Amino acid sequence: KSFKIGKSLDLSGLGANDVPINLGSIDGAGFTLSNLTLIDAEKASLHFISLNFGFENAREAKNLVFSNVTMRGQKFGLIAADGPQTLKNIRVDRGNFSGASGGALASYCPSCIIE
């Protein structure tokens, strides 16, 4: 499944139980995804977008802008992927990330191509 975002979105209503969103690929078209707060100290893995779990076509996340993001969990990241995928032109403005392991962009992406 591939998706293209058509406008900026305020994600303030989402919570840790609403994610991850499982996709084959996503094109943010330069629009901003803002006000995402995901906090769950008990959940083993906390991600906003999971690329390709169960998808076999080309997988990529591109042209995404995240703004005012807070993530706290054991293992966390905005994007998780089980590779190979391409992460291209992704920006995080004003982010607060903390936990045992992870990263602002990707927490698990062993064979990703980051452009």
C-alpha atoms as a PDB file:
ATOM      1  CA  LYS A   1       0.000   0.000   0.000  1.00  0.00           C
ATOM      2  CA  SER A   2       1.339   3.395  -0.983  1.00  0.00           C
ATOM      3  CA  PHE A   3       0.083   6.708   0.320  1.00  0.00           C
ATOM      4  CA  LYS A   4       0.636  10.355  -0.582  1.00  0.00           C
ATOM      5  CA  ILE A   5      -0.254  13.035   1.933  1.00  0.00           C
ATOM      6  CA  GLY A   6      -2.364  15.852   0.469  1.00  0.00           C
ATOM      7  CA  LYS A   7      -2.220  18.456   3.247  1.00  0.00           C
ATOM      8  CA  SER A   8      -0.523  19.260   6.532  1.00  0.00           C
ATOM      9  CA  LEU A   9      -1.955  17.281   9.446  1.00  0.00           C
ATOM     10  CA  ASP A  10      -2.282  17.991  13.165  1.00  0.00           C
ATOM     11  CA  LEU A  11      -1.702  14.637  14.891  1.00  0.00           C
ATOM     12  CA  SER A  12      -2.422  15.805  18.444  1.00  0.00           C
ATOM     13  CA  GLY A  13      -5.304  13.328  18.800  1.00  0.00           C
ATOM     14  CA  LEU A  14      -3.170  10.217  18.234  1.00  0.00           C
ATOM     15  CA  GLY A  15      -1.826   8.150  21.106  1.00  0.00           C
ATOM     16  CA  ALA A  16       0.553   5.249  21.572  1.00  0.00           C
ATOM     17  CA  ASN A  17      -2.291   2.743  21.052  1.00  0.00           C
ATOM     18  CA  ASP A  18      -3.107   4.235  17.617  1.00  0.00           C
ATOM     19  CA  VAL A  19       0.253   3.438  16.034  1.00  0.00           C
ATOM     20  CA  PRO A  20       2.140   2.164  14.136  1.00  0.00           C
ATOM     21  CA  ILE A  21       0.621   2.949  10.774  1.00  0.00           C
ATOM     22  CA  ASN A  22       1.728   0.078   8.518  1.00  0.00           C
ATOM     23  CA  LEU A  23       2.587   1.147   4.978  1.00  0.00           C
ATOM     24  CA  GLY A  24       4.469  -0.029   1.933  1.00  0.00           C
ATOM     25  CA  SER A  25       5.533   3.526   1.137  1.00  0.00           C
ATOM     26  CA  ILE A  26       4.598   7.099   1.971  1.00  0.00           C
ATOM     27  CA  ASP A  27       5.204  10.402   0.206  1.00  0.00           C
ATOM     28  CA  GLY A  28       4.626  13.387   2.474  1.00  0.00           C
ATOM     29  CA  ALA A  29       4.727  15.757  -0.539  1.00  0.00           C
ATOM     30  CA  GLY A  30       6.484  18.286   1.725  1.00  0.00           C
ATOM     31  CA  PHE A  31       3.497  18.714   4.027  1.00  0.00           C
ATOM     32  CA  THR A  32       3.980  18.896   7.796  1.00  0.00           C
ATOM     33  CA  LEU A  33       2.832  16.314  10.328  1.00  0.00           C
ATOM     34  CA  SER A  34       2.705  18.200  13.614  1.00  0.00           C
ATOM     35  CA  ASN A  35       1.988  17.813  17.330  1.00  0.00           C
ATOM     36  CA  LEU A  36       2.619  14.080  17.610  1.00  0.00           C
ATOM     37  CA  THR A  37       3.041  12.868  21.205  1.00  0.00           C
ATOM     38  CA  LEU A  38       3.688   9.165  21.765  1.00  0.00           C
ATOM     39  CA  ILE A  39       4.569   8.127  25.312  1.00  0.00           C
ATOM     40  CA  ASP A  40       4.482   4.530  26.515  1.00  0.00           C
ATOM     41  CA  ALA A  41       7.144   3.216  28.863  1.00  0.00           C
ATOM     42  CA  GLU A  42       5.611  -0.275  28.865  1.00  0.00           C
ATOM     43  CA  LYS A  43       5.337  -0.901  25.113  1.00  0.00           C
ATOM     44  CA  ALA A  44       8.366  -2.809  23.825  1.00  0.00           C
ATOM     45  CA  SER A  45       8.451  -0.909  20.532  1.00  0.00           C
ATOM     46  CA  LEU A  46       6.972   2.512  19.755  1.00  0.00           C
ATOM     47  CA  HIS A  47       6.865   3.806  16.148  1.00  0.00           C
ATOM     48  CA  PHE A  48       4.671   6.167  14.158  1.00  0.00           C
ATOM     49  CA  ILE A  49       5.189   4.569  10.728  1.00  0.00           C
ATOM     50  CA  SER A  50       6.222   0.955  10.068  1.00  0.00           C
ATOM     51  CA  LEU A  51       7.440   0.445   6.531  1.00  0.00           C
ATOM     52  CA  ASN A  52       7.004  -2.824   4.710  1.00  0.00           C
ATOM     53  CA  PHE A  53       6.074  -5.368   7.356  1.00  0.00           C
ATOM     54  CA  GLY A  54       4.288  -7.766   5.007  1.00  0.00           C
ATOM     55  CA  PHE A  55       4.823  -5.622   1.877  1.00  0.00           C
ATOM     56  CA  GLU A  56       7.064  -6.812  -0.960  1.00  0.00           C
ATOM     57  CA  ASN A  57       7.121  -3.852  -3.372  1.00  0.00           C
ATOM     58  CA  ALA A  58       9.538  -0.926  -3.305  1.00  0.00           C
ATOM     59  CA  ARG A  59       9.363   0.662   0.117  1.00  0.00           C
ATOM     60  CA  GLU A  60      10.217   4.217   0.913  1.00  0.00           C
ATOM     61  CA  ALA A  61       9.359   7.195   3.036  1.00  0.00           C
ATOM     62  CA  LYS A  62      10.064  10.540   1.426  1.00  0.00           C
ATOM     63  CA  ASN A  63       9.302  14.249   1.554  1.00  0.00           C
ATOM     64  CA  LEU A  64       8.083  14.159   5.175  1.00  0.00           C
ATOM     65  CA  VAL A  65       8.290  17.022   7.659  1.00  0.00           C
ATOM     66  CA  PHE A  66       7.620  16.327  11.342  1.00  0.00           C
ATOM     67  CA  SER A  67       7.155  19.258  13.715  1.00  0.00           C
ATOM     68  CA  ASN A  68       6.722  19.407  17.499  1.00  0.00           C
ATOM     69  CA  VAL A  69       7.178  15.675  18.124  1.00  0.00           C
ATOM     70  CA  THR A  70       7.561  14.011  21.531  1.00  0.00           C
ATOM     71  CA  MET A  71       8.364  10.306  21.824  1.00  0.00           C
ATOM     72  CA  ARG A  72       9.253   8.392  24.982  1.00  0.00           C
ATOM     73  CA  GLY A  73       9.461   4.620  25.211  1.00  0.00           C
ATOM     74  CA  GLN A  74      11.735   1.630  25.583  1.00  0.00           C
ATOM     75  CA  LYS A  75      12.587   1.377  21.865  1.00  0.00           C
ATOM     76  CA  PHE A  76      11.328   4.212  19.683  1.00  0.00           C
ATOM     77  CA  GLY A  77      11.562   6.022  16.366  1.00  0.00           C
ATOM     78  CA  LEU A  78       9.339   7.838  13.920  1.00  0.00           C
ATOM     79  CA  ILE A  79       9.964   5.161  11.292  1.00  0.00           C
ATOM     80  CA  ALA A  80      10.650   1.439  11.650  1.00  0.00           C
ATOM     81  CA  ALA A  81      11.549  -0.765   8.717  1.00  0.00           C
ATOM     82  CA  ASP A  82      12.930  -4.233   8.225  1.00  0.00           C
ATOM     83  CA  GLY A  83      14.860  -3.184   5.091  1.00  0.00           C
ATOM     84  CA  PRO A  84      15.876  -2.574   2.440  1.00  0.00           C
ATOM     85  CA  GLN A  85      14.098   0.773   2.184  1.00  0.00           C
ATOM     86  CA  THR A  86      14.861   4.324   1.181  1.00  0.00           C
ATOM     87  CA  LEU A  87      14.372   7.249   3.546  1.00  0.00           C
ATOM     88  CA  LYS A  88      14.618  10.456   1.526  1.00  0.00           C
ATOM     89  CA  ASN A  89      14.134  14.134   2.345  1.00  0.00           C
ATOM     90  CA  ILE A  90      12.761  13.653   5.866  1.00  0.00           C
ATOM     91  CA  ARG A  91      13.060  16.472   8.399  1.00  0.00           C
ATOM     92  CA  VAL A  92      12.233  16.739  12.099  1.00  0.00           C
ATOM     93  CA  ASP A  93      11.701  20.241  13.478  1.00  0.00           C
ATOM     94  CA  ARG A  94      11.360  20.607  17.253  1.00  0.00           C
ATOM     95  CA  GLY A  95      11.545  17.046  18.529  1.00  0.00           C
ATOM     96  CA  ASN A  96      11.921  15.600  22.024  1.00  0.00           C
ATOM     97  CA  PHE A  97      12.973  11.928  22.087  1.00  0.00           C
ATOM     98  CA  SER A  98      13.984   9.774  25.053  1.00  0.00           C
ATOM     99  CA  GLY A  99      14.133   6.109  25.979  1.00  0.00           C
ATOM    100  CA  ALA A 100      16.405   3.112  26.292  1.00  0.00           C
ATOM    101  CA  SER A 101      17.186   2.870  22.566  1.00  0.00           C
ATOM    102  CA  GLY A 102      16.087   4.371  19.301  1.00  0.00           C
ATOM    103  CA  GLY A 103      16.415   7.498  17.258  1.00  0.00           C
ATOM    104  CA  ALA A 104      14.445  10.482  16.095  1.00  0.00           C
ATOM    105  CA  LEU A 105      14.195   9.164  12.561  1.00  0.00           C
ATOM    106  CA  ALA A 106      14.494   5.390  12.659  1.00  0.00           C
ATOM    107  CA  SER A 107      14.825   2.897  15.452  1.00  0.00           C
ATOM    108  CA  TYR A 108      15.206  -0.247  13.359  1.00  0.00           C
ATOM    109  CA  CYS A 109      16.316   0.005   9.784  1.00  0.00           C
ATOM    110  CA  PRO A 110      19.334  -2.282   9.295  1.00  0.00           C
ATOM    111  CA  SER A 111      19.634  -1.947   5.528  1.00  0.00           C
ATOM    112  CA  CYS A 112      18.053   1.434   4.859  1.00  0.00           C
ATOM    113  CA  ILE A 113      19.352   3.875   2.304  1.00  0.00           C
ATOM    114  CA  ILE A 114      19.159   7.367   3.778  1.00  0.00           C
ATOM    115  CA  GLU A 115      19.328  10.208   1.254  1.00  0.00           C
END
